[in-house]
N, C-alpha and C. Protein backbone atom coordinates (compact mmCIF):
# COMPACT_ATOMS: atom_id res chain seq x y z
N MET A 1 3.49 21.37 9.12
CA MET A 1 3.99 21.09 7.79
C MET A 1 5.51 21.23 7.75
N ALA A 2 6.19 20.45 8.55
CA ALA A 2 7.65 20.50 8.62
C ALA A 2 8.29 19.97 7.35
N ASP A 3 7.57 19.16 6.57
CA ASP A 3 8.13 18.59 5.35
C ASP A 3 8.55 19.66 4.35
N ALA A 4 7.83 20.78 4.30
CA ALA A 4 8.14 21.84 3.35
C ALA A 4 9.46 22.52 3.69
N ASP A 5 9.85 22.51 4.96
CA ASP A 5 11.09 23.15 5.39
C ASP A 5 12.30 22.22 5.30
N ALA A 6 12.06 20.92 5.19
CA ALA A 6 13.17 19.95 5.14
C ALA A 6 13.88 20.06 3.79
N PRO A 7 15.21 19.91 3.79
CA PRO A 7 15.94 19.97 2.51
C PRO A 7 15.60 18.75 1.65
N VAL A 8 15.60 18.96 0.35
CA VAL A 8 15.29 17.89 -0.60
C VAL A 8 16.59 17.21 -1.01
N ASP A 9 16.61 15.88 -0.92
CA ASP A 9 17.77 15.10 -1.33
C ASP A 9 17.73 14.96 -2.85
N LEU A 10 18.63 15.65 -3.54
CA LEU A 10 18.64 15.62 -4.99
C LEU A 10 19.41 14.42 -5.55
N THR A 11 20.10 13.68 -4.69
CA THR A 11 20.85 12.51 -5.14
C THR A 11 19.99 11.26 -5.06
N ASN A 12 19.47 10.97 -3.87
CA ASN A 12 18.62 9.79 -3.67
C ASN A 12 17.17 10.26 -3.61
N ARG A 13 16.48 10.20 -4.72
CA ARG A 13 15.11 10.72 -4.80
C ARG A 13 14.06 9.67 -4.49
N ASP A 14 14.49 8.46 -4.16
CA ASP A 14 13.57 7.39 -3.75
C ASP A 14 14.15 6.68 -2.53
N PRO A 15 14.28 7.40 -1.41
CA PRO A 15 14.94 6.81 -0.23
C PRO A 15 14.17 5.64 0.37
N ASN A 16 12.87 5.58 0.17
CA ASN A 16 12.07 4.49 0.72
C ASN A 16 11.82 3.37 -0.31
N ASP A 17 12.47 3.45 -1.44
CA ASP A 17 12.39 2.44 -2.50
C ASP A 17 10.94 2.18 -2.92
N LEU A 18 10.18 3.26 -3.09
CA LEU A 18 8.78 3.14 -3.52
C LEU A 18 8.67 2.64 -4.95
N ASN A 19 9.66 2.98 -5.78
CA ASN A 19 9.61 2.60 -7.19
C ASN A 19 10.74 1.66 -7.56
N GLY A 20 11.12 0.81 -6.63
CA GLY A 20 12.18 -0.17 -6.90
C GLY A 20 11.78 -1.15 -7.99
N HIS A 21 10.49 -1.35 -8.17
CA HIS A 21 9.99 -2.28 -9.19
C HIS A 21 10.07 -1.68 -10.59
N LEU A 22 10.28 -0.38 -10.69
CA LEU A 22 10.26 0.31 -11.98
C LEU A 22 11.65 0.24 -12.61
N GLN A 23 11.86 -0.80 -13.39
CA GLN A 23 13.14 -1.02 -14.05
C GLN A 23 12.99 -0.67 -15.52
N VAL A 24 13.54 0.47 -15.94
CA VAL A 24 13.34 0.91 -17.32
C VAL A 24 14.65 1.24 -18.04
N THR A 25 15.77 0.74 -17.52
CA THR A 25 17.02 0.95 -18.24
C THR A 25 17.04 0.06 -19.48
N PHE A 26 17.91 0.37 -20.39
CA PHE A 26 18.02 -0.38 -21.65
C PHE A 26 18.17 -1.87 -21.39
N GLN A 27 19.04 -2.23 -20.44
CA GLN A 27 19.31 -3.63 -20.15
C GLN A 27 18.10 -4.33 -19.54
N ASP A 28 17.20 -3.57 -18.89
CA ASP A 28 16.00 -4.16 -18.29
C ASP A 28 14.90 -4.37 -19.32
N ILE A 29 14.98 -3.67 -20.44
CA ILE A 29 13.91 -3.72 -21.44
C ILE A 29 14.30 -4.56 -22.65
N LEU A 30 15.49 -4.35 -23.16
CA LEU A 30 15.94 -5.04 -24.37
C LEU A 30 17.12 -5.95 -24.08
N ALA A 31 17.08 -7.14 -24.65
CA ALA A 31 18.19 -8.08 -24.48
C ALA A 31 18.21 -9.04 -25.67
N GLU A 32 19.39 -9.34 -26.12
CA GLU A 32 19.55 -10.29 -27.23
C GLU A 32 20.14 -11.58 -26.68
N PRO A 33 19.51 -12.70 -27.02
CA PRO A 33 20.08 -13.97 -26.55
C PRO A 33 21.42 -14.25 -27.24
N GLU A 34 22.14 -15.19 -26.69
CA GLU A 34 23.49 -15.51 -27.15
C GLU A 34 23.55 -15.83 -28.63
N HIS A 35 22.58 -16.50 -29.17
CA HIS A 35 22.62 -16.95 -30.57
C HIS A 35 21.99 -15.95 -31.55
N ALA A 36 21.53 -14.81 -31.07
CA ALA A 36 20.89 -13.84 -31.97
C ALA A 36 21.36 -12.44 -31.62
N HIS A 37 22.51 -12.04 -32.16
CA HIS A 37 23.05 -10.71 -31.91
C HIS A 37 22.95 -9.86 -33.17
N SER A 38 22.56 -8.60 -32.96
CA SER A 38 22.59 -7.66 -34.08
C SER A 38 24.02 -7.13 -34.23
N ALA A 39 24.23 -6.35 -35.25
CA ALA A 39 25.56 -5.75 -35.45
C ALA A 39 25.87 -4.84 -34.26
N ASP A 40 27.14 -4.75 -33.89
CA ASP A 40 27.54 -3.95 -32.74
C ASP A 40 27.10 -2.49 -32.88
N CYS A 41 27.23 -1.94 -34.08
CA CYS A 41 26.86 -0.53 -34.26
C CYS A 41 25.35 -0.34 -34.05
N VAL A 42 24.55 -1.33 -34.44
CA VAL A 42 23.09 -1.25 -34.22
C VAL A 42 22.79 -1.30 -32.73
N TRP A 43 23.43 -2.21 -32.02
CA TRP A 43 23.18 -2.36 -30.58
C TRP A 43 23.61 -1.12 -29.82
N ILE A 44 24.77 -0.58 -30.14
CA ILE A 44 25.29 0.63 -29.47
C ILE A 44 24.38 1.82 -29.74
N ASN A 45 24.01 2.01 -31.01
CA ASN A 45 23.16 3.15 -31.35
C ASN A 45 21.73 2.96 -30.84
N SER A 46 21.26 1.73 -30.75
CA SER A 46 19.95 1.48 -30.15
C SER A 46 19.97 1.88 -28.68
N TYR A 47 21.06 1.55 -27.99
CA TYR A 47 21.22 1.93 -26.59
C TYR A 47 21.17 3.45 -26.45
N LYS A 48 21.94 4.15 -27.28
CA LYS A 48 21.98 5.61 -27.21
C LYS A 48 20.62 6.22 -27.53
N CYS A 49 19.95 5.71 -28.55
CA CYS A 49 18.64 6.23 -28.96
C CYS A 49 17.60 5.99 -27.86
N TYR A 50 17.56 4.77 -27.32
CA TYR A 50 16.61 4.44 -26.26
C TYR A 50 16.83 5.34 -25.04
N THR A 51 18.07 5.42 -24.59
CA THR A 51 18.38 6.19 -23.39
C THR A 51 18.09 7.67 -23.58
N CYS A 52 18.49 8.22 -24.70
CA CYS A 52 18.27 9.64 -24.96
C CYS A 52 16.77 9.95 -25.07
N SER A 53 16.03 9.14 -25.81
CA SER A 53 14.60 9.41 -25.98
C SER A 53 13.84 9.23 -24.67
N LYS A 54 14.21 8.22 -23.89
CA LYS A 54 13.56 8.01 -22.59
C LYS A 54 13.82 9.19 -21.66
N ASN A 55 15.06 9.62 -21.57
CA ASN A 55 15.40 10.74 -20.69
C ASN A 55 14.76 12.04 -21.16
N LEU A 56 14.81 12.30 -22.46
CA LEU A 56 14.23 13.53 -23.01
C LEU A 56 12.72 13.56 -22.80
N CYS A 57 12.05 12.48 -23.13
CA CYS A 57 10.60 12.41 -22.96
C CYS A 57 10.22 12.57 -21.50
N TYR A 58 10.95 11.90 -20.60
CA TYR A 58 10.66 12.01 -19.17
C TYR A 58 10.83 13.46 -18.68
N LYS A 59 11.91 14.11 -19.11
CA LYS A 59 12.14 15.49 -18.70
C LYS A 59 11.05 16.42 -19.24
N ILE A 60 10.65 16.26 -20.48
CA ILE A 60 9.60 17.09 -21.06
C ILE A 60 8.29 16.89 -20.29
N LEU A 61 7.94 15.63 -20.02
CA LEU A 61 6.72 15.35 -19.28
C LEU A 61 6.76 15.94 -17.87
N THR A 62 7.92 15.85 -17.21
CA THR A 62 8.00 16.42 -15.86
C THR A 62 7.96 17.94 -15.90
N TYR A 63 8.58 18.56 -16.90
CA TYR A 63 8.49 20.02 -17.02
C TYR A 63 7.06 20.47 -17.25
N LEU A 64 6.35 19.75 -18.10
CA LEU A 64 4.98 20.15 -18.44
C LEU A 64 3.96 19.78 -17.37
N CYS A 65 4.13 18.63 -16.74
CA CYS A 65 3.09 18.11 -15.86
C CYS A 65 3.50 17.88 -14.41
N GLY A 66 4.79 17.82 -14.12
CA GLY A 66 5.26 17.40 -12.80
C GLY A 66 4.70 18.22 -11.65
N ILE A 67 4.77 19.53 -11.77
CA ILE A 67 4.31 20.39 -10.67
C ILE A 67 2.80 20.29 -10.51
N ILE A 68 2.08 20.25 -11.62
CA ILE A 68 0.62 20.14 -11.55
C ILE A 68 0.20 18.81 -10.95
N VAL A 69 0.85 17.73 -11.38
CA VAL A 69 0.52 16.41 -10.86
C VAL A 69 0.88 16.33 -9.37
N ALA A 70 2.03 16.88 -8.98
CA ALA A 70 2.41 16.90 -7.56
C ALA A 70 1.39 17.68 -6.75
N PHE A 71 0.91 18.80 -7.28
CA PHE A 71 -0.12 19.59 -6.61
C PHE A 71 -1.39 18.76 -6.43
N CYS A 72 -1.80 18.05 -7.48
CA CYS A 72 -3.01 17.22 -7.40
C CYS A 72 -2.85 16.11 -6.36
N TRP A 73 -1.68 15.45 -6.36
CA TRP A 73 -1.46 14.39 -5.37
C TRP A 73 -1.39 14.97 -3.96
N GLY A 74 -0.81 16.15 -3.81
CA GLY A 74 -0.79 16.80 -2.50
C GLY A 74 -2.21 17.05 -2.00
N CYS A 75 -3.07 17.53 -2.89
CA CYS A 75 -4.48 17.76 -2.52
C CYS A 75 -5.17 16.44 -2.19
N GLU A 76 -4.89 15.42 -2.98
CA GLU A 76 -5.51 14.11 -2.74
C GLU A 76 -5.16 13.57 -1.35
N PHE A 77 -3.87 13.63 -0.99
CA PHE A 77 -3.47 13.09 0.30
C PHE A 77 -3.89 14.00 1.44
N ALA A 78 -4.03 15.29 1.18
CA ALA A 78 -4.60 16.19 2.19
C ALA A 78 -6.06 15.82 2.44
N LEU A 79 -6.81 15.51 1.38
CA LEU A 79 -8.20 15.09 1.54
C LEU A 79 -8.30 13.76 2.29
N ILE A 80 -7.39 12.85 1.99
CA ILE A 80 -7.38 11.57 2.71
C ILE A 80 -7.11 11.79 4.19
N ALA A 81 -6.11 12.61 4.49
CA ALA A 81 -5.79 12.90 5.89
C ALA A 81 -6.97 13.58 6.58
N PHE A 82 -7.57 14.57 5.91
CA PHE A 82 -8.73 15.27 6.46
C PHE A 82 -9.86 14.29 6.74
N ASN A 83 -10.12 13.40 5.78
CA ASN A 83 -11.18 12.41 5.94
C ASN A 83 -10.93 11.51 7.14
N HIS A 84 -9.70 11.05 7.30
CA HIS A 84 -9.39 10.18 8.43
C HIS A 84 -9.50 10.91 9.76
N VAL A 85 -8.97 12.13 9.81
CA VAL A 85 -8.96 12.87 11.08
C VAL A 85 -10.36 13.32 11.47
N TRP A 86 -11.11 13.84 10.53
CA TRP A 86 -12.38 14.50 10.86
C TRP A 86 -13.62 13.66 10.60
N ILE A 87 -13.52 12.56 9.81
CA ILE A 87 -14.71 11.79 9.47
C ILE A 87 -14.57 10.32 9.88
N ALA A 88 -13.58 9.63 9.34
CA ALA A 88 -13.48 8.18 9.52
C ALA A 88 -13.21 7.79 10.98
N THR A 89 -12.18 8.34 11.58
CA THR A 89 -11.83 7.95 12.95
C THR A 89 -12.93 8.28 13.93
N PRO A 90 -13.50 9.51 13.92
CA PRO A 90 -14.62 9.76 14.83
C PRO A 90 -15.84 8.87 14.52
N GLY A 91 -16.06 8.57 13.25
CA GLY A 91 -17.17 7.69 12.89
C GLY A 91 -16.99 6.29 13.44
N PHE A 92 -15.77 5.76 13.33
CA PHE A 92 -15.50 4.44 13.89
C PHE A 92 -15.66 4.44 15.41
N LYS A 93 -15.21 5.51 16.04
CA LYS A 93 -15.33 5.61 17.50
C LYS A 93 -16.80 5.65 17.91
N ALA A 94 -17.61 6.44 17.19
CA ALA A 94 -19.05 6.50 17.48
C ALA A 94 -19.70 5.14 17.28
N CYS A 95 -19.31 4.44 16.21
CA CYS A 95 -19.85 3.11 15.94
C CYS A 95 -19.45 2.14 17.06
N GLU A 96 -18.20 2.23 17.49
CA GLU A 96 -17.71 1.37 18.57
C GLU A 96 -18.51 1.61 19.85
N ILE A 97 -18.76 2.88 20.18
CA ILE A 97 -19.53 3.21 21.38
C ILE A 97 -20.97 2.71 21.24
N ASP A 98 -21.57 2.92 20.08
CA ASP A 98 -22.94 2.49 19.85
C ASP A 98 -23.09 0.97 19.91
N LEU A 99 -22.08 0.25 19.49
CA LEU A 99 -22.18 -1.21 19.43
C LEU A 99 -21.89 -1.90 20.76
N ILE A 100 -21.48 -1.14 21.77
CA ILE A 100 -21.22 -1.75 23.08
C ILE A 100 -22.49 -2.39 23.62
N CYS A 101 -23.65 -1.73 23.43
CA CYS A 101 -24.93 -2.31 23.88
C CYS A 101 -25.21 -3.62 23.16
N CYS A 102 -24.98 -3.63 21.85
CA CYS A 102 -25.20 -4.86 21.07
C CYS A 102 -24.27 -5.96 21.55
N LYS A 103 -23.03 -5.61 21.85
CA LYS A 103 -22.06 -6.59 22.32
C LYS A 103 -22.51 -7.19 23.64
N ARG A 104 -23.00 -6.38 24.56
CA ARG A 104 -23.47 -6.88 25.86
C ARG A 104 -24.69 -7.78 25.68
N TYR A 105 -25.62 -7.37 24.82
CA TYR A 105 -26.83 -8.15 24.57
C TYR A 105 -26.46 -9.50 23.97
N TYR A 106 -25.59 -9.51 22.96
CA TYR A 106 -25.15 -10.73 22.30
C TYR A 106 -24.44 -11.65 23.28
N SER A 107 -23.58 -11.08 24.11
CA SER A 107 -22.84 -11.85 25.10
C SER A 107 -23.79 -12.48 26.10
N THR A 108 -24.78 -11.73 26.55
CA THR A 108 -25.77 -12.25 27.51
C THR A 108 -26.56 -13.40 26.88
N CYS A 109 -26.98 -13.24 25.63
CA CYS A 109 -27.73 -14.29 24.94
C CYS A 109 -26.88 -15.56 24.81
N LEU A 110 -25.63 -15.41 24.45
CA LEU A 110 -24.75 -16.58 24.33
C LEU A 110 -24.58 -17.29 25.66
N HIS A 111 -24.37 -16.52 26.71
CA HIS A 111 -24.21 -17.13 28.03
C HIS A 111 -25.48 -17.84 28.46
N CYS A 112 -26.65 -17.25 28.17
CA CYS A 112 -27.91 -17.88 28.55
C CYS A 112 -28.13 -19.20 27.81
N VAL A 113 -27.69 -19.29 26.58
CA VAL A 113 -27.91 -20.49 25.78
C VAL A 113 -26.79 -21.50 25.98
N LEU A 114 -25.56 -21.05 25.94
CA LEU A 114 -24.44 -21.99 25.94
C LEU A 114 -24.00 -22.45 27.33
N ASP A 115 -24.11 -21.61 28.34
CA ASP A 115 -23.66 -22.01 29.68
C ASP A 115 -24.39 -23.26 30.18
N PRO A 116 -25.72 -23.32 30.07
CA PRO A 116 -26.39 -24.54 30.53
C PRO A 116 -25.98 -25.78 29.71
N CYS A 117 -25.79 -25.59 28.40
CA CYS A 117 -25.37 -26.73 27.56
C CYS A 117 -23.99 -27.21 27.96
N CYS A 118 -23.08 -26.28 28.18
CA CYS A 118 -21.71 -26.65 28.56
C CYS A 118 -21.69 -27.32 29.93
N GLU A 119 -22.50 -26.84 30.86
CA GLU A 119 -22.58 -27.46 32.19
C GLU A 119 -23.12 -28.88 32.06
N ALA A 120 -24.17 -29.04 31.25
CA ALA A 120 -24.78 -30.37 31.09
C ALA A 120 -23.77 -31.35 30.48
N PHE A 121 -23.06 -30.91 29.44
CA PHE A 121 -22.06 -31.80 28.83
C PHE A 121 -20.92 -32.07 29.81
N GLY A 122 -20.55 -31.07 30.59
CA GLY A 122 -19.50 -31.28 31.59
C GLY A 122 -19.90 -32.33 32.61
N LEU A 123 -21.15 -32.25 33.10
CA LEU A 123 -21.64 -33.24 34.07
C LEU A 123 -21.75 -34.62 33.42
N LEU A 124 -22.20 -34.65 32.17
CA LEU A 124 -22.34 -35.91 31.46
C LEU A 124 -20.99 -36.59 31.30
N PHE A 125 -20.00 -35.85 30.83
CA PHE A 125 -18.70 -36.46 30.58
C PHE A 125 -17.90 -36.68 31.87
N SER A 126 -18.25 -35.99 32.94
CA SER A 126 -17.53 -36.23 34.20
C SER A 126 -17.89 -37.59 34.77
N ALA A 127 -19.03 -38.15 34.33
CA ALA A 127 -19.42 -39.48 34.79
C ALA A 127 -18.50 -40.57 34.26
N PHE A 128 -17.85 -40.30 33.15
CA PHE A 128 -16.92 -41.27 32.56
C PHE A 128 -15.54 -41.05 33.17
N LYS A 129 -15.12 -42.02 33.93
CA LYS A 129 -13.81 -41.91 34.58
C LYS A 129 -12.87 -42.91 33.94
N LYS A 130 -11.66 -42.49 33.77
CA LYS A 130 -10.63 -43.38 33.21
C LYS A 130 -9.99 -44.12 34.36
N ASP A 131 -10.00 -45.41 34.27
CA ASP A 131 -9.40 -46.23 35.36
C ASP A 131 -7.98 -46.53 35.09
């Protein structure tokens, strides 16, 4: 668990751009076309109100739920990792080993049926020579 010891980057909190699609700034949500502008004071105060309420609400939600939600997601991904390491991967390997017999049987059946047909067609078409 080396991740717990690594320092947290407080400046760039999305280094892998996981939430690049999440555009919630004022300019991304509200826009007035060229021919329909509100009064400047309305637009400026709307910007301030939107930004302040968005930031305040986000901070309150993260204070109340952030740590609990992070804990739940940590448990979820621990369960996924556990499932893959201890259940899924060994299960797939067991299935792969078990199906080797089926693969050999299927391959033998195909060769028994198709090899004579392919030989016959090969001999048939070899009789036609291009001059």
